Amino acid sequence: MHYDTIRRCVPGSRFTDHARREMDTEPFGRIVVDEILAVLDSGEIIEEYRDDVPYPSCLIFGRTPGGRPLHIVCAPVEEEGRLIIITVYQPDPTRWEADWRRRKLR
């Protein structure tokens, strides 16, 4: 998956109900759309889920302009020009390494 594809699909972004709930109830503080757009503009793909149905998806890591780390799971649907935002959260330091890119081994 290429990040350019994600960027091209951002203007047609759609949020799942699950993503909206997660944004509103994030334990580390509410997540707003502008934070998500900033992360999508400058983030990086840290995991790919090629076998996800109905569309392959990926996990993006990035920081908001205020420095807040966020993870976004999304699926670009290039032929429709849209990006499906599946979920959004601030990574939990008990589950993620300090660089927010790798899960801690249990």
N, C-alpha and C. Protein backbone atom coordinates (compact mmCIF):
# COMPACT_ATOMS: atom_id res chain seq x y z
N MET A 1 0.85 -1.17 0.00
CA MET A 1 0.00 0.00 0.00
C MET A 1 0.90 1.24 0.00
N HIS A 2 0.57 2.20 -0.83
CA HIS A 2 1.37 3.41 -0.94
C HIS A 2 0.68 4.57 -0.22
N TYR A 3 1.47 5.35 0.48
CA TYR A 3 0.90 6.46 1.24
C TYR A 3 0.28 7.51 0.32
N ASP A 4 0.78 7.63 -0.89
CA ASP A 4 0.19 8.57 -1.85
C ASP A 4 -1.28 8.23 -2.11
N THR A 5 -1.60 6.95 -2.14
CA THR A 5 -2.99 6.52 -2.34
C THR A 5 -3.86 7.03 -1.20
N ILE A 6 -3.36 6.90 0.01
CA ILE A 6 -4.11 7.38 1.18
C ILE A 6 -4.33 8.88 1.06
N ARG A 7 -3.29 9.63 0.75
CA ARG A 7 -3.42 11.09 0.62
C ARG A 7 -4.44 11.48 -0.44
N ARG A 8 -4.45 10.77 -1.56
CA ARG A 8 -5.41 11.08 -2.63
C ARG A 8 -6.85 10.83 -2.18
N CYS A 9 -7.04 9.88 -1.28
CA CYS A 9 -8.39 9.51 -0.84
C CYS A 9 -8.89 10.33 0.35
N VAL A 10 -8.01 11.08 1.01
CA VAL A 10 -8.40 11.84 2.21
C VAL A 10 -9.58 12.77 1.98
N PRO A 11 -9.65 13.52 0.86
CA PRO A 11 -10.80 14.42 0.70
C PRO A 11 -12.15 13.70 0.74
N GLY A 12 -12.19 12.43 0.38
CA GLY A 12 -13.43 11.67 0.43
C GLY A 12 -13.56 10.81 1.67
N SER A 13 -12.93 11.21 2.77
CA SER A 13 -12.92 10.40 3.99
C SER A 13 -14.32 10.19 4.55
N ARG A 14 -14.52 8.97 5.03
CA ARG A 14 -15.76 8.59 5.71
C ARG A 14 -15.36 7.91 7.02
N PHE A 15 -16.04 8.25 8.09
CA PHE A 15 -15.77 7.67 9.40
C PHE A 15 -16.82 6.62 9.72
N THR A 16 -16.38 5.45 10.16
CA THR A 16 -17.34 4.45 10.63
C THR A 16 -17.94 4.92 11.94
N ASP A 17 -19.07 4.35 12.30
CA ASP A 17 -19.67 4.66 13.60
C ASP A 17 -18.71 4.30 14.72
N HIS A 18 -17.99 3.21 14.54
CA HIS A 18 -17.00 2.78 15.54
C HIS A 18 -15.93 3.86 15.73
N ALA A 19 -15.42 4.40 14.63
CA ALA A 19 -14.39 5.45 14.72
C ALA A 19 -14.93 6.66 15.46
N ARG A 20 -16.14 7.07 15.14
CA ARG A 20 -16.75 8.24 15.82
C ARG A 20 -16.89 8.00 17.33
N ARG A 21 -17.30 6.80 17.69
CA ARG A 21 -17.42 6.47 19.13
C ARG A 21 -16.05 6.53 19.81
N GLU A 22 -15.05 5.95 19.15
CA GLU A 22 -13.70 5.96 19.71
C GLU A 22 -13.17 7.39 19.86
N MET A 23 -13.44 8.22 18.89
CA MET A 23 -13.00 9.62 18.96
C MET A 23 -13.61 10.32 20.17
N ASP A 24 -14.88 10.07 20.40
CA ASP A 24 -15.60 10.74 21.49
C ASP A 24 -15.25 10.19 22.87
N THR A 25 -14.85 8.92 22.94
CA THR A 25 -14.65 8.29 24.24
C THR A 25 -13.20 7.90 24.51
N GLU A 26 -12.26 8.41 23.72
CA GLU A 26 -10.84 8.09 23.90
C GLU A 26 -10.42 8.36 25.35
N PRO A 27 -9.87 7.34 26.06
CA PRO A 27 -9.48 7.53 27.46
C PRO A 27 -8.45 8.64 27.69
N PHE A 28 -7.61 8.92 26.69
CA PHE A 28 -6.58 9.96 26.85
C PHE A 28 -7.07 11.33 26.42
N GLY A 29 -8.35 11.45 26.08
CA GLY A 29 -8.93 12.72 25.67
C GLY A 29 -9.53 12.64 24.28
N ARG A 30 -10.64 13.34 24.11
CA ARG A 30 -11.38 13.34 22.84
C ARG A 30 -10.46 13.65 21.65
N ILE A 31 -10.70 12.97 20.54
CA ILE A 31 -9.94 13.18 19.31
C ILE A 31 -10.84 13.93 18.33
N VAL A 32 -10.33 15.00 17.74
CA VAL A 32 -11.12 15.79 16.79
C VAL A 32 -10.66 15.54 15.36
N VAL A 33 -11.54 15.83 14.42
CA VAL A 33 -11.27 15.57 13.00
C VAL A 33 -10.00 16.27 12.53
N ASP A 34 -9.77 17.51 12.95
CA ASP A 34 -8.56 18.22 12.51
C ASP A 34 -7.28 17.49 12.92
N GLU A 35 -7.29 16.83 14.08
CA GLU A 35 -6.13 16.05 14.49
C GLU A 35 -5.91 14.87 13.54
N ILE A 36 -6.99 14.23 13.17
CA ILE A 36 -6.91 13.08 12.27
C ILE A 36 -6.38 13.52 10.90
N LEU A 37 -6.91 14.61 10.38
CA LEU A 37 -6.47 15.11 9.08
C LEU A 37 -4.99 15.47 9.10
N ALA A 38 -4.51 16.06 10.20
CA ALA A 38 -3.09 16.40 10.31
C ALA A 38 -2.23 15.14 10.31
N VAL A 39 -2.66 14.13 11.03
CA VAL A 39 -1.90 12.87 11.07
C VAL A 39 -1.91 12.20 9.70
N LEU A 40 -3.05 12.20 9.02
CA LEU A 40 -3.11 11.60 7.69
C LEU A 40 -2.22 12.34 6.70
N ASP A 41 -2.02 13.62 6.90
CA ASP A 41 -1.18 14.41 6.01
C ASP A 41 0.30 14.08 6.17
N SER A 42 0.71 13.73 7.38
CA SER A 42 2.15 13.57 7.62
C SER A 42 2.53 12.22 8.25
N GLY A 43 1.58 11.33 8.40
CA GLY A 43 1.85 10.07 9.10
C GLY A 43 2.60 9.06 8.25
N GLU A 44 2.70 7.85 8.81
CA GLU A 44 3.37 6.75 8.12
C GLU A 44 2.64 5.45 8.40
N ILE A 45 2.66 4.57 7.44
CA ILE A 45 2.06 3.24 7.61
C ILE A 45 3.01 2.40 8.45
N ILE A 46 2.49 1.85 9.55
CA ILE A 46 3.34 1.01 10.40
C ILE A 46 2.91 -0.46 10.37
N GLU A 47 1.70 -0.75 9.92
CA GLU A 47 1.24 -2.12 9.74
C GLU A 47 0.27 -2.14 8.57
N GLU A 48 0.27 -3.25 7.84
CA GLU A 48 -0.68 -3.43 6.74
C GLU A 48 -1.50 -4.68 7.00
N TYR A 49 -2.78 -4.59 6.69
CA TYR A 49 -3.71 -5.70 6.86
C TYR A 49 -4.30 -6.02 5.48
N ARG A 50 -3.50 -6.66 4.66
CA ARG A 50 -3.86 -6.91 3.25
C ARG A 50 -5.06 -7.84 3.09
N ASP A 51 -5.33 -8.68 4.10
CA ASP A 51 -6.42 -9.64 3.99
C ASP A 51 -7.73 -9.15 4.60
N ASP A 52 -7.76 -7.90 5.07
CA ASP A 52 -9.00 -7.36 5.64
C ASP A 52 -10.10 -7.32 4.58
N VAL A 53 -11.32 -7.55 5.02
CA VAL A 53 -12.48 -7.56 4.14
C VAL A 53 -13.46 -6.51 4.66
N PRO A 54 -14.08 -5.72 3.84
CA PRO A 54 -14.11 -5.83 2.39
C PRO A 54 -12.96 -5.13 1.67
N TYR A 55 -12.12 -4.37 2.40
CA TYR A 55 -10.99 -3.67 1.77
C TYR A 55 -9.73 -3.88 2.59
N PRO A 56 -8.58 -4.02 1.94
CA PRO A 56 -7.32 -4.04 2.68
C PRO A 56 -7.18 -2.72 3.45
N SER A 57 -6.60 -2.81 4.64
CA SER A 57 -6.46 -1.61 5.47
C SER A 57 -5.04 -1.53 6.01
N CYS A 58 -4.80 -0.46 6.75
CA CYS A 58 -3.48 -0.28 7.34
C CYS A 58 -3.59 0.53 8.63
N LEU A 59 -2.53 0.46 9.41
CA LEU A 59 -2.42 1.23 10.64
C LEU A 59 -1.42 2.36 10.38
N ILE A 60 -1.87 3.58 10.61
CA ILE A 60 -1.03 4.75 10.42
C ILE A 60 -0.67 5.33 11.77
N PHE A 61 0.59 5.71 11.91
CA PHE A 61 1.04 6.43 13.10
C PHE A 61 1.43 7.83 12.67
N GLY A 62 1.08 8.79 13.52
CA GLY A 62 1.51 10.16 13.30
C GLY A 62 1.27 10.98 14.54
N ARG A 63 1.76 12.19 14.50
CA ARG A 63 1.57 13.12 15.62
C ARG A 63 0.76 14.31 15.16
N THR A 64 -0.10 14.79 16.05
CA THR A 64 -0.88 15.98 15.77
C THR A 64 0.05 17.19 15.84
N PRO A 65 -0.40 18.36 15.38
CA PRO A 65 0.44 19.56 15.51
C PRO A 65 0.86 19.84 16.96
N GLY A 66 0.04 19.40 17.91
CA GLY A 66 0.37 19.57 19.33
C GLY A 66 1.27 18.47 19.88
N GLY A 67 1.66 17.51 19.04
CA GLY A 67 2.57 16.45 19.46
C GLY A 67 1.90 15.18 19.97
N ARG A 68 0.59 15.15 19.96
CA ARG A 68 -0.14 13.98 20.44
C ARG A 68 0.03 12.81 19.47
N PRO A 69 0.44 11.62 19.96
CA PRO A 69 0.55 10.46 19.07
C PRO A 69 -0.84 9.87 18.80
N LEU A 70 -1.10 9.53 17.55
CA LEU A 70 -2.36 8.88 17.21
C LEU A 70 -2.11 7.70 16.28
N HIS A 71 -2.97 6.72 16.40
CA HIS A 71 -3.03 5.60 15.46
C HIS A 71 -4.37 5.69 14.74
N ILE A 72 -4.33 5.47 13.43
CA ILE A 72 -5.53 5.48 12.61
C ILE A 72 -5.54 4.20 11.78
N VAL A 73 -6.60 3.43 11.89
CA VAL A 73 -6.78 2.28 11.02
C VAL A 73 -7.73 2.72 9.92
N CYS A 74 -7.26 2.59 8.68
CA CYS A 74 -8.07 3.07 7.56
C CYS A 74 -7.92 2.17 6.36
N ALA A 75 -8.88 2.31 5.44
CA ALA A 75 -8.87 1.53 4.20
C ALA A 75 -9.10 2.48 3.04
N PRO A 76 -8.10 2.67 2.20
CA PRO A 76 -8.31 3.50 1.01
C PRO A 76 -9.08 2.71 -0.05
N VAL A 77 -10.10 3.34 -0.61
CA VAL A 77 -10.87 2.75 -1.70
C VAL A 77 -10.62 3.64 -2.90
N GLU A 78 -9.50 3.38 -3.56
CA GLU A 78 -9.01 4.28 -4.60
C GLU A 78 -10.01 4.47 -5.74
N GLU A 79 -10.64 3.38 -6.17
CA GLU A 79 -11.57 3.48 -7.30
C GLU A 79 -12.79 4.34 -6.98
N GLU A 80 -13.08 4.55 -5.71
CA GLU A 80 -14.20 5.40 -5.29
C GLU A 80 -13.72 6.74 -4.74
N GLY A 81 -12.40 6.91 -4.65
CA GLY A 81 -11.85 8.17 -4.15
C GLY A 81 -12.21 8.47 -2.71
N ARG A 82 -12.23 7.44 -1.88
CA ARG A 82 -12.56 7.68 -0.47
C ARG A 82 -11.66 6.88 0.45
N LEU A 83 -11.55 7.38 1.66
CA LEU A 83 -10.77 6.72 2.70
C LEU A 83 -11.72 6.39 3.83
N ILE A 84 -11.82 5.12 4.16
CA ILE A 84 -12.68 4.71 5.26
C ILE A 84 -11.84 4.71 6.53
N ILE A 85 -12.22 5.56 7.47
CA ILE A 85 -11.55 5.61 8.77
C ILE A 85 -12.26 4.59 9.66
N ILE A 86 -11.58 3.50 9.96
CA ILE A 86 -12.18 2.40 10.70
C ILE A 86 -12.14 2.64 12.20
N THR A 87 -11.00 3.06 12.69
CA THR A 87 -10.88 3.42 14.11
C THR A 87 -9.71 4.38 14.29
N VAL A 88 -9.76 5.09 15.40
CA VAL A 88 -8.74 6.08 15.74
C VAL A 88 -8.53 6.01 17.25
N TYR A 89 -7.27 6.04 17.67
CA TYR A 89 -7.02 6.03 19.11
C TYR A 89 -5.64 6.58 19.40
N GLN A 90 -5.47 7.00 20.64
CA GLN A 90 -4.14 7.37 21.11
C GLN A 90 -3.53 6.10 21.69
N PRO A 91 -2.34 5.70 21.21
CA PRO A 91 -1.77 4.43 21.67
C PRO A 91 -1.48 4.45 23.18
N ASP A 92 -1.77 3.32 23.78
CA ASP A 92 -1.57 3.14 25.22
C ASP A 92 -0.11 2.78 25.47
N PRO A 93 0.60 3.54 26.32
CA PRO A 93 2.02 3.26 26.56
C PRO A 93 2.27 1.90 27.23
N THR A 94 1.25 1.28 27.80
CA THR A 94 1.44 -0.05 28.38
C THR A 94 1.41 -1.14 27.30
N ARG A 95 0.93 -0.79 26.08
CA ARG A 95 0.82 -1.77 25.01
C ARG A 95 1.75 -1.51 23.83
N TRP A 96 2.31 -0.28 23.78
CA TRP A 96 3.15 0.11 22.65
C TRP A 96 4.51 0.59 23.13
N GLU A 97 5.54 0.30 22.34
CA GLU A 97 6.89 0.79 22.64
C GLU A 97 6.89 2.32 22.59
N ALA A 98 7.92 2.92 23.13
CA ALA A 98 8.00 4.38 23.25
C ALA A 98 7.97 5.09 21.90
N ASP A 99 8.32 4.41 20.82
CA ASP A 99 8.27 5.05 19.50
C ASP A 99 6.87 4.97 18.87
N TRP A 100 5.93 4.29 19.53
CA TRP A 100 4.53 4.12 19.14
C TRP A 100 4.36 3.32 17.85
N ARG A 101 5.44 2.71 17.36
CA ARG A 101 5.39 1.98 16.10
C ARG A 101 5.38 0.46 16.28
N ARG A 102 5.74 0.00 17.46
CA ARG A 102 5.82 -1.45 17.70
C ARG A 102 5.07 -1.81 18.97
N ARG A 103 4.32 -2.91 18.86
CA ARG A 103 3.60 -3.41 20.03
C ARG A 103 4.61 -4.02 21.01
N LYS A 104 4.35 -3.86 22.28
CA LYS A 104 5.20 -4.49 23.29
C LYS A 104 4.95 -5.99 23.29
N LEU A 105 6.01 -6.74 23.47
CA LEU A 105 5.87 -8.19 23.60
C LEU A 105 5.34 -8.49 24.98
N ARG A 106 4.48 -9.45 25.06
CA ARG A 106 3.89 -9.79 26.37
C ARG A 106 4.52 -11.02 26.94
